[in-house]
Amino acid sequence: MSVSLTVMTFNLHEDQAEDSPNSWEKRKDLCISVITSYFPMILCTQQGVKTQLDYLQQCLPGNFSLMV
């Protein structure tokens, strides 16, 4: 018997200053798009701050469950 498990690790790269090319405002929709395109069963994040994790929880489809 084999079981398939999709695991994704995603570095949210902390929020940067708004004028930075790496600011969360400029990356957040792309992050959601990438995560949903892979549809992982388990999503691990690094360097995420509360506002980023809250955004993921709010914007990912209902079948995603974010455990902090």
C-alpha atoms as a PDB file:
ATOM      1  CA  MET A   1       0.000   0.000   0.000  1.00  0.00           C
ATOM      2  CA  SER A   2       1.387   3.404  -0.905  1.00  0.00           C
ATOM      3  CA  VAL A   3       0.260   6.794   0.285  1.00  0.00           C
ATOM      4  CA  SER A   4       0.883  10.049  -1.510  1.00  0.00           C
ATOM      5  CA  LEU A   5       1.608  13.101   0.625  1.00  0.00           C
ATOM      6  CA  THR A   6       2.276  16.571  -0.739  1.00  0.00           C
ATOM      7  CA  VAL A   7       4.429  18.729   1.527  1.00  0.00           C
ATOM      8  CA  MET A   8       5.484  22.280   0.763  1.00  0.00           C
ATOM      9  CA  THR A   9       7.919  24.530   2.553  1.00  0.00           C
ATOM     10  CA  PHE A  10       7.626  28.224   1.855  1.00  0.00           C
ATOM     11  CA  ASN A  11       9.865  31.031   3.081  1.00  0.00           C
ATOM     12  CA  LEU A  12       7.650  34.073   3.583  1.00  0.00           C
ATOM     13  CA  HIS A  13      10.772  36.238   3.998  1.00  0.00           C
ATOM     14  CA  GLU A  14       9.492  38.556   6.737  1.00  0.00           C
ATOM     15  CA  ASP A  15       7.742  41.751   5.833  1.00  0.00           C
ATOM     16  CA  GLN A  16      10.101  44.389   4.452  1.00  0.00           C
ATOM     17  CA  ALA A  17       9.703  48.168   4.306  1.00  0.00           C
ATOM     18  CA  GLU A  18       6.892  49.264   1.957  1.00  0.00           C
ATOM     19  CA  ASP A  19       9.320  50.865  -0.494  1.00  0.00           C
ATOM     20  CA  SER A  20      11.348  47.656  -0.741  1.00  0.00           C
ATOM     21  CA  PRO A  21      10.938  45.473  -3.846  1.00  0.00           C
ATOM     22  CA  ASN A  22      10.470  42.595  -1.368  1.00  0.00           C
ATOM     23  CA  SER A  23       7.682  44.160   0.668  1.00  0.00           C
ATOM     24  CA  TRP A  24       4.867  41.829   1.663  1.00  0.00           C
ATOM     25  CA  GLU A  25       2.351  44.036  -0.167  1.00  0.00           C
ATOM     26  CA  LYS A  26       4.155  43.319  -3.434  1.00  0.00           C
ATOM     27  CA  ARG A  27       4.511  39.571  -2.797  1.00  0.00           C
ATOM     28  CA  LYS A  28       1.417  38.445  -0.907  1.00  0.00           C
ATOM     29  CA  ASP A  29      -0.863  37.669  -3.858  1.00  0.00           C
ATOM     30  CA  LEU A  30       1.914  35.781  -5.636  1.00  0.00           C
ATOM     31  CA  CYS A  31       2.488  33.731  -2.470  1.00  0.00           C
ATOM     32  CA  ILE A  32      -1.190  32.747  -2.359  1.00  0.00           C
ATOM     33  CA  SER A  33      -1.102  31.846  -6.050  1.00  0.00           C
ATOM     34  CA  VAL A  34       1.994  29.653  -5.687  1.00  0.00           C
ATOM     35  CA  ILE A  35       0.663  27.853  -2.615  1.00  0.00           C
ATOM     36  CA  THR A  36      -2.728  27.123  -4.160  1.00  0.00           C
ATOM     37  CA  SER A  37      -1.162  25.949  -7.430  1.00  0.00           C
ATOM     38  CA  TYR A  38       0.693  23.178  -5.570  1.00  0.00           C
ATOM     39  CA  PHE A  39      -2.220  22.458  -3.206  1.00  0.00           C
ATOM     40  CA  PRO A  40      -0.036  20.907  -0.487  1.00  0.00           C
ATOM     41  CA  MET A  41      -1.475  18.671   2.218  1.00  0.00           C
ATOM     42  CA  ILE A  42       1.076  20.138   4.626  1.00  0.00           C
ATOM     43  CA  LEU A  43       2.443  23.672   4.335  1.00  0.00           C
ATOM     44  CA  CYS A  44       5.452  24.714   6.398  1.00  0.00           C
ATOM     45  CA  THR A  45       6.514  28.342   6.526  1.00  0.00           C
ATOM     46  CA  GLN A  46       9.673  30.113   7.599  1.00  0.00           C
ATOM     47  CA  GLN A  47      10.216  33.713   8.663  1.00  0.00           C
ATOM     48  CA  GLY A  48       6.518  34.501   8.676  1.00  0.00           C
ATOM     49  CA  VAL A  49       5.224  37.195  10.983  1.00  0.00           C
ATOM     50  CA  LYS A  50       1.710  37.265  12.416  1.00  0.00           C
ATOM     51  CA  THR A  51       0.319  39.625   9.771  1.00  0.00           C
ATOM     52  CA  GLN A  52       1.562  37.327   6.987  1.00  0.00           C
ATOM     53  CA  LEU A  53       0.173  34.199   8.629  1.00  0.00           C
ATOM     54  CA  ASP A  54      -3.146  35.957   9.243  1.00  0.00           C
ATOM     55  CA  TYR A  55      -3.285  36.905   5.556  1.00  0.00           C
ATOM     56  CA  LEU A  56      -2.617  33.321   4.488  1.00  0.00           C
ATOM     57  CA  GLN A  57      -5.368  32.071   6.801  1.00  0.00           C
ATOM     58  CA  GLN A  58      -7.783  34.636   5.409  1.00  0.00           C
ATOM     59  CA  CYS A  59      -6.996  34.153   1.717  1.00  0.00           C
ATOM     60  CA  LEU A  60      -6.298  30.458   1.289  1.00  0.00           C
ATOM     61  CA  PRO A  61      -9.319  28.383   0.291  1.00  0.00           C
ATOM     62  CA  GLY A  62     -11.449  26.896   3.066  1.00  0.00           C
ATOM     63  CA  ASN A  63      -9.898  23.454   2.732  1.00  0.00           C
ATOM     64  CA  PHE A  64      -6.536  24.831   3.909  1.00  0.00           C
ATOM     65  CA  SER A  65      -5.998  24.752   7.639  1.00  0.00           C
ATOM     66  CA  LEU A  66      -3.199  26.870   9.013  1.00  0.00           C
ATOM     67  CA  MET A  67      -1.677  25.650  12.269  1.00  0.00           C
ATOM     68  CA  VAL A  68       0.516  28.149  14.057  1.00  0.00           C
END
